[in-house]
């Protein structure tokens, strides 16, 4: 019988696929909002704060959320993407996010990630709240297998979701120790990219994105086509 060998995956593979491959932090954040869209969210809140003592990114939605099984078997499984088999969401949306890129985008944005997600648990016919915390710097070690890096389970957890739908499901991501400074120009570019995800360009009429930031507060509020055109005009005439 022929001898069988297996590949081993170095922990730094995460770094190569994430922070070293994703073009910039604006692109990374956009991918996370696309994931909210794919999860049939109606509302997404994007917050970006950058001060000496308080820097974080928060992305929260009222989508379908993730069960413990979803986190273990899908989110934490590198290379896996349900979009390959299911291209249309239960709401009828064509899924937009790059396959498997969203989770790695969090590493591009910051060193630490906390996820709290509320979803329907089919077995118990009730809501379940599930949380994990990841320190991406633990993957940046010599001779470390990917499977040997610990992922912390958050035992006591609560999520602050957008205006809750009837079933109160959704996901909140908090990214801290940001890797890159955000400028006014970065925020404006993000607004322009996010506006493309909202009507009238999209056939979806029940998807709204709200931005809040202390970097360029003039961009705070609901992302819309009008805001995009106004910002473009101001940037050309100032």
Protein backbone atom coordinates (compact mmCIF):
# COMPACT_ATOMS: atom_id res chain seq x y z
CA UNK A 1 0.00 0.00 0.00
CA UNK A 2 1.32 3.42 -0.97
CA UNK A 3 2.34 5.68 1.89
CA UNK A 4 0.01 8.63 2.43
CA UNK A 5 1.14 12.11 3.42
CA UNK A 6 -0.82 15.28 4.12
CA UNK A 7 -0.24 18.98 3.69
CA UNK A 8 0.42 21.05 6.77
CA UNK A 9 -0.74 24.66 6.83
CA UNK A 10 1.49 27.28 8.40
CA UNK A 11 -0.31 29.81 10.60
CA UNK A 12 1.20 32.67 8.59
CA UNK A 13 -0.98 31.61 5.66
CA UNK A 14 -3.70 33.73 7.28
CA UNK A 15 -1.45 36.77 7.04
CA UNK A 16 -0.58 36.12 3.39
CA UNK A 17 -4.25 35.77 2.46
CA UNK A 18 -5.41 38.67 4.58
CA UNK A 19 -3.38 41.76 5.30
CA UNK A 20 -0.79 41.10 2.56
CA UNK A 21 -3.27 40.36 -0.24
CA UNK A 22 -6.21 42.72 0.28
CA UNK A 23 -5.47 46.00 -1.47
CA UNK A 24 -6.32 48.51 1.25
CA UNK A 25 -8.38 49.05 4.37
CA UNK A 26 -11.26 50.59 2.44
CA UNK A 27 -11.59 47.45 0.32
CA UNK A 28 -11.41 45.28 3.44
CA UNK A 29 -14.23 47.14 5.18
CA UNK A 30 -16.35 47.06 2.03
CA UNK A 31 -16.12 43.26 1.98
CA UNK A 32 -17.52 43.08 5.51
CA UNK A 33 -20.52 45.22 4.54
CA UNK A 34 -21.09 42.92 1.55
CA UNK A 35 -21.21 40.01 3.99
CA UNK A 36 -24.00 41.80 5.87
CA UNK A 37 -25.86 42.25 2.59
CA UNK A 38 -25.42 38.54 1.82
CA UNK A 39 -26.83 37.73 5.28
CA UNK A 40 -30.08 39.50 4.27
CA UNK A 41 -29.54 42.46 6.58
CA UNK A 42 -31.86 45.44 6.21
CA UNK A 43 -29.63 47.80 8.19
CA UNK A 44 -25.85 47.95 8.59
CA UNK A 45 -24.09 50.30 10.99
CA UNK A 46 -20.45 51.16 10.24
CA UNK A 47 -18.45 53.02 12.89
CA UNK A 48 -14.82 54.09 12.56
CA UNK A 49 -13.03 55.75 15.46
CA UNK A 50 -9.39 56.74 15.52
CA UNK A 51 -8.03 58.51 18.56
CA UNK A 52 -4.93 57.93 20.67
CA UNK A 53 -6.86 56.16 23.41
CA UNK A 54 -9.82 54.86 21.42
CA UNK A 55 -9.44 53.25 18.02
CA UNK A 56 -11.84 50.68 16.68
CA UNK A 57 -14.14 49.71 13.85
CA UNK A 58 -17.62 48.41 14.54
CA UNK A 59 -19.86 46.78 11.94
CA UNK A 60 -23.29 45.64 13.08
CA UNK A 61 -26.23 44.31 11.07
CA UNK A 62 -29.69 42.84 11.53
CA UNK A 63 -29.08 39.89 9.23
CA UNK A 64 -29.64 36.19 9.87
CA UNK A 65 -26.63 35.86 12.18
CA UNK A 66 -24.48 32.77 12.79
CA UNK A 67 -25.08 29.78 15.01
CA UNK A 68 -22.22 28.09 16.86
CA UNK A 69 -22.12 25.52 14.06
CA UNK A 70 -21.96 28.28 11.42
CA UNK A 71 -18.97 29.81 13.18
CA UNK A 72 -17.17 26.48 13.69
CA UNK A 73 -17.87 24.85 10.32
CA UNK A 74 -18.03 27.88 8.02
CA UNK A 75 -16.51 31.08 9.39
CA UNK A 76 -13.48 29.38 10.97
CA UNK A 77 -12.93 27.08 7.98
CA UNK A 78 -10.43 28.86 5.75
CA UNK A 79 -11.25 28.51 2.06
CA UNK A 80 -14.86 27.55 2.70
CA UNK A 81 -17.62 29.66 1.18
CA UNK A 82 -21.31 28.83 1.11
CA UNK A 83 -21.62 31.15 -1.90
CA UNK A 84 -20.27 28.40 -4.15
CA UNK A 85 -23.39 26.31 -3.61
CA UNK A 86 -25.98 28.92 -2.64
CA UNK A 87 -25.67 32.00 -4.82
CA UNK A 88 -29.06 33.52 -3.92
CA UNK A 89 -30.03 34.44 -0.35
CA UNK A 90 -33.41 33.53 1.21
CA UNK A 91 -34.54 37.10 0.45
CA UNK A 92 -33.64 36.60 -3.21
CA UNK A 93 -30.45 38.64 -3.17
CA UNK A 94 -27.59 37.65 -5.42
CA UNK A 95 -24.64 37.28 -3.06
CA UNK A 96 -21.95 39.89 -3.63
CA UNK A 97 -19.03 39.23 -1.26
CA UNK A 98 -15.81 37.65 -2.49
CA UNK A 99 -15.72 33.99 -1.53
CA UNK A 100 -14.17 33.65 1.93
CA UNK A 101 -12.52 37.08 1.87
CA UNK A 102 -14.65 38.79 4.53
CA UNK A 103 -13.19 36.99 7.55
CA UNK A 104 -9.65 37.75 6.37
CA UNK A 105 -10.55 41.40 5.84
CA UNK A 106 -10.77 41.78 9.60
CA UNK A 107 -7.07 40.95 9.88
CA UNK A 108 -6.31 43.61 7.25
CA UNK A 109 -8.10 46.18 9.41
CA UNK A 110 -6.84 45.44 12.92
CA UNK A 111 -5.00 43.10 15.25
CA UNK A 112 -7.95 41.96 17.34
CA UNK A 113 -11.48 40.90 16.40
CA UNK A 114 -14.56 40.21 18.48
CA UNK A 115 -17.66 38.65 16.92
CA UNK A 116 -21.02 38.39 18.63
CA UNK A 117 -23.79 36.83 16.55
CA UNK A 118 -27.44 36.04 17.29
CA UNK A 119 -29.18 33.45 15.14
CA UNK A 120 -32.10 31.04 15.10
CA UNK A 121 -31.12 27.63 16.48
CA UNK A 122 -33.12 25.05 14.55
CA UNK A 123 -32.68 22.30 17.14
CA UNK A 124 -34.16 24.31 19.99
CA UNK A 125 -36.38 26.62 17.92
CA UNK A 126 -34.96 29.57 19.83
CA UNK A 127 -32.35 32.31 19.49
CA UNK A 128 -28.72 31.53 20.33
CA UNK A 129 -25.95 34.04 21.01
CA UNK A 130 -22.42 33.03 20.06
CA UNK A 131 -19.13 34.87 20.40
CA UNK A 132 -15.44 34.49 19.62
CA UNK A 133 -12.37 36.66 19.98
CA UNK A 134 -9.34 36.43 17.70
CA UNK A 135 -5.86 37.87 18.16
CA UNK A 136 -4.49 37.85 14.62
CA UNK A 137 -0.93 38.43 15.82
CA UNK A 138 -0.89 34.90 17.28
CA UNK A 139 -0.73 33.65 13.68
CA UNK A 140 2.51 35.56 13.08
CA UNK A 141 4.82 32.96 14.65
CA UNK A 142 7.57 30.69 13.38
CA UNK A 143 6.85 26.96 13.04
CA UNK A 144 3.22 27.30 14.12
CA UNK A 145 0.54 25.13 12.55
CA UNK A 146 -2.66 26.94 11.66
CA UNK A 147 -4.79 24.51 13.68
CA UNK A 148 -2.68 25.14 16.78
CA UNK A 149 -3.60 28.82 17.16
CA UNK A 150 -6.29 29.19 19.85
CA UNK A 151 -9.56 31.01 19.20
CA UNK A 152 -11.12 32.35 22.38
CA UNK A 153 -14.80 31.60 22.97
CA UNK A 154 -16.63 34.47 24.64
CA UNK A 155 -18.80 32.97 27.35
CA UNK A 156 -20.55 36.14 28.50
CA UNK A 157 -21.68 38.08 25.49
CA UNK A 158 -24.20 40.61 24.29
CA UNK A 159 -24.46 42.40 20.97
CA UNK A 160 -25.70 45.89 20.18
CA UNK A 161 -27.57 45.45 16.92
CA UNK A 162 -29.23 48.01 14.65
CA UNK A 163 -32.94 48.73 14.94
CA UNK A 164 -34.00 45.16 15.59
CA UNK A 165 -36.25 43.25 13.29
CA UNK A 166 -39.00 41.07 14.67
CA UNK A 167 -36.70 38.09 15.14
CA UNK A 168 -33.82 40.10 16.69
CA UNK A 169 -31.02 38.33 14.82
CA UNK A 170 -27.80 39.85 13.57
CA UNK A 171 -24.04 40.13 13.95
CA UNK A 172 -21.71 42.67 15.53
CA UNK A 173 -18.00 42.83 14.68
CA UNK A 174 -15.60 44.95 16.73
CA UNK A 175 -12.09 45.35 15.32
CA UNK A 176 -9.48 47.01 17.55
CA UNK A 177 -5.80 47.97 17.42
CA UNK A 178 -6.25 49.29 13.89
CA UNK A 179 -3.35 48.72 11.54
CA UNK A 180 -3.69 51.89 9.48
CA UNK A 181 -4.71 55.48 10.05
CA UNK A 182 -7.98 56.53 8.45
CA UNK A 183 -8.02 59.93 6.78
CA UNK A 184 -10.83 62.15 5.54
CA UNK A 185 -9.99 60.98 2.02
CA UNK A 186 -10.30 57.33 3.07
CA UNK A 187 -13.72 57.97 4.62
CA UNK A 188 -14.91 59.77 1.49
CA UNK A 189 -13.70 56.89 -0.71
CA UNK A 190 -15.52 54.44 1.54
CA UNK A 191 -18.75 56.46 1.28
CA UNK A 192 -18.50 56.42 -2.50
CA UNK A 193 -17.97 52.66 -2.57
CA UNK A 194 -20.78 51.99 -0.10
CA UNK A 195 -23.21 54.14 -2.06
CA UNK A 196 -22.93 51.73 -4.98
CA UNK A 197 -24.33 48.99 -2.72
CA UNK A 198 -27.49 51.01 -2.01
CA UNK A 199 -30.45 51.88 -4.27
CA UNK A 200 -31.04 52.95 -6.99
CA UNK A 201 -28.10 50.98 -8.41
CA UNK A 202 -29.28 47.84 -6.67
CA UNK A 203 -32.61 46.15 -7.20
CA UNK A 204 -32.79 45.75 -3.41
CA UNK A 205 -34.99 48.36 -1.77
CA UNK A 206 -34.59 47.32 1.87
CA UNK A 207 -30.87 47.74 2.47
CA UNK A 208 -29.53 50.79 4.32
CA UNK A 209 -26.03 51.67 5.51
CA UNK A 210 -25.32 54.20 8.24
CA UNK A 211 -21.86 55.63 8.91
CA UNK A 212 -20.50 57.21 12.10
CA UNK A 213 -16.91 58.39 12.49
CA UNK A 214 -14.86 60.91 14.46
CA UNK A 215 -12.39 61.27 11.59
CA UNK A 216 -14.64 63.20 9.20
CA UNK A 217 -18.01 63.77 10.94
CA UNK A 218 -19.40 65.56 7.90
CA UNK A 219 -19.89 62.12 6.34
CA UNK A 220 -21.94 60.78 9.25
CA UNK A 221 -25.44 59.53 8.51
CA UNK A 222 -27.18 57.36 5.95
CA UNK A 223 -25.16 56.46 2.86
CA UNK A 224 -27.03 57.48 -0.28
CA UNK A 225 -26.51 58.37 -3.92
CA UNK A 226 -27.22 62.01 -3.07
CA UNK A 227 -24.44 62.03 -0.47
CA UNK A 228 -22.06 60.48 -2.98
CA UNK A 229 -22.77 63.11 -5.64
CA UNK A 230 -22.58 65.97 -3.11
CA UNK A 231 -19.26 64.75 -1.74
CA UNK A 232 -17.87 64.40 -5.26
CA UNK A 233 -18.91 67.96 -6.07
CA UNK A 234 -17.40 69.35 -2.85
CA UNK A 235 -14.11 67.51 -3.33
CA UNK A 236 -13.74 68.94 -6.84
CA UNK A 237 -14.53 72.48 -5.78
CA UNK A 238 -12.47 72.87 -2.59
